Amino acid sequence: MADRYTSWFSSLDEARTATVSRHFGAIRDAFATRSITVDCACTRPWYAYVHPSQPHTIHMCKAFWIARR
């Protein structure tokens, strides 16, 4: 687990760990309590994004579809 954490978020430190934990908790809560929309029409070269004004719509982009092959 620590290897994956440092690969994704850099070195362990208390503030960063608290931020990551808070963000993953918010994601978990959103999936449990909100209606989530997945928009597959994004043509950007990114994996995915969420716009701050539409936090419950996940835009899946080109890199996501290529990576899952």
C-alpha atoms as a PDB file:
ATOM      1  CA  MET A   1       0.000   0.000   0.000  1.00  0.00           C
ATOM      2  CA  ALA A   2       2.767   2.464   0.865  1.00  0.00           C
ATOM      3  CA  ASP A   3       4.436   1.899  -2.521  1.00  0.00           C
ATOM      4  CA  ARG A   4       1.212   2.709  -4.359  1.00  0.00           C
ATOM      5  CA  TYR A   5       0.637   5.795  -2.189  1.00  0.00           C
ATOM      6  CA  THR A   6       4.090   7.216  -2.835  1.00  0.00           C
ATOM      7  CA  SER A   7       3.811   6.432  -6.554  1.00  0.00           C
ATOM      8  CA  TRP A   8       0.561   8.386  -6.801  1.00  0.00           C
ATOM      9  CA  PHE A   9       0.981  11.132  -4.173  1.00  0.00           C
ATOM     10  CA  SER A  10       4.715  11.395  -3.407  1.00  0.00           C
ATOM     11  CA  SER A  11       6.315  10.925  -0.008  1.00  0.00           C
ATOM     12  CA  LEU A  12       4.310  10.295   3.129  1.00  0.00           C
ATOM     13  CA  ASP A  13       3.722  13.284   5.331  1.00  0.00           C
ATOM     14  CA  GLU A  14       0.926  14.034   7.749  1.00  0.00           C
ATOM     15  CA  ALA A  15      -0.657  16.960   5.878  1.00  0.00           C
ATOM     16  CA  ARG A  16      -0.637  15.222   2.492  1.00  0.00           C
ATOM     17  CA  THR A  17      -2.003  11.996   3.978  1.00  0.00           C
ATOM     18  CA  ALA A  18      -4.844  13.928   5.648  1.00  0.00           C
ATOM     19  CA  THR A  19      -5.700  15.647   2.345  1.00  0.00           C
ATOM     20  CA  VAL A  20      -5.704  12.378   0.400  1.00  0.00           C
ATOM     21  CA  SER A  21      -7.836  10.706   3.060  1.00  0.00           C
ATOM     22  CA  ARG A  22     -10.314  13.586   3.065  1.00  0.00           C
ATOM     23  CA  HIS A  23     -10.597  13.558  -0.734  1.00  0.00           C
ATOM     24  CA  PHE A  24     -11.123   9.796  -0.949  1.00  0.00           C
ATOM     25  CA  GLY A  25     -13.728  10.046   1.820  1.00  0.00           C
ATOM     26  CA  ALA A  26     -15.588  12.709  -0.170  1.00  0.00           C
ATOM     27  CA  ILE A  27     -15.488  10.515  -3.281  1.00  0.00           C
ATOM     28  CA  ARG A  28     -16.805   7.528  -1.322  1.00  0.00           C
ATOM     29  CA  ASP A  29     -19.597   9.631   0.183  1.00  0.00           C
ATOM     30  CA  ALA A  30     -20.571  11.060  -3.217  1.00  0.00           C
ATOM     31  CA  PHE A  31     -20.904   7.579  -4.730  1.00  0.00           C
ATOM     32  CA  ALA A  32     -22.972   6.469  -1.737  1.00  0.00           C
ATOM     33  CA  THR A  33     -25.311   9.470  -1.524  1.00  0.00           C
ATOM     34  CA  ARG A  34     -25.444  11.273  -4.884  1.00  0.00           C
ATOM     35  CA  SER A  35     -26.513  10.545  -8.413  1.00  0.00           C
ATOM     36  CA  ILE A  36     -23.304  10.290 -10.435  1.00  0.00           C
ATOM     37  CA  THR A  37     -23.221  10.895 -14.193  1.00  0.00           C
ATOM     38  CA  VAL A  38     -20.430   9.477 -16.343  1.00  0.00           C
ATOM     39  CA  ASP A  39     -20.000  11.432 -19.578  1.00  0.00           C
ATOM     40  CA  CYS A  40     -18.053   9.480 -22.209  1.00  0.00           C
ATOM     41  CA  ALA A  41     -18.038  12.213 -24.877  1.00  0.00           C
ATOM     42  CA  CYS A  42     -14.797  13.944 -23.854  1.00  0.00           C
ATOM     43  CA  THR A  43     -12.302  14.178 -26.746  1.00  0.00           C
ATOM     44  CA  ARG A  44      -9.424  15.683 -24.729  1.00  0.00           C
ATOM     45  CA  PRO A  45      -6.199  13.632 -24.447  1.00  0.00           C
ATOM     46  CA  TRP A  46      -6.679  13.333 -20.654  1.00  0.00           C
ATOM     47  CA  TYR A  47      -7.861  10.367 -18.542  1.00  0.00           C
ATOM     48  CA  ALA A  48     -10.827  12.059 -16.924  1.00  0.00           C
ATOM     49  CA  TYR A  49     -11.887  15.209 -15.149  1.00  0.00           C
ATOM     50  CA  VAL A  50     -14.582  16.678 -12.953  1.00  0.00           C
ATOM     51  CA  HIS A  51     -15.520  20.334 -13.376  1.00  0.00           C
ATOM     52  CA  PRO A  52     -15.921  22.228 -10.060  1.00  0.00           C
ATOM     53  CA  SER A  53     -19.359  23.519 -11.070  1.00  0.00           C
ATOM     54  CA  GLN A  54     -20.553  19.956 -11.836  1.00  0.00           C
ATOM     55  CA  PRO A  55     -18.882  17.824  -9.160  1.00  0.00           C
ATOM     56  CA  HIS A  56     -21.074  14.772  -9.751  1.00  0.00           C
ATOM     57  CA  THR A  57     -20.376  14.444 -13.477  1.00  0.00           C
ATOM     58  CA  ILE A  58     -17.241  12.496 -14.393  1.00  0.00           C
ATOM     59  CA  HIS A  59     -15.980  13.203 -17.904  1.00  0.00           C
ATOM     60  CA  MET A  60     -14.091  10.175 -19.269  1.00  0.00           C
ATOM     61  CA  CYS A  61     -11.556  11.141 -21.941  1.00  0.00           C
ATOM     62  CA  LYS A  62      -9.367   9.526 -24.608  1.00  0.00           C
ATOM     63  CA  ALA A  63      -6.471   8.391 -22.395  1.00  0.00           C
ATOM     64  CA  PHE A  64      -8.878   6.435 -20.186  1.00  0.00           C
ATOM     65  CA  TRP A  65     -10.217   4.412 -23.097  1.00  0.00           C
ATOM     66  CA  ILE A  66      -6.735   3.725 -24.453  1.00  0.00           C
ATOM     67  CA  ALA A  67      -5.368   2.709 -21.031  1.00  0.00           C
ATOM     68  CA  ARG A  68      -7.991   0.056 -20.406  1.00  0.00           C
ATOM     69  CA  ARG A  69      -6.950  -1.978 -23.470  1.00  0.00           C
END
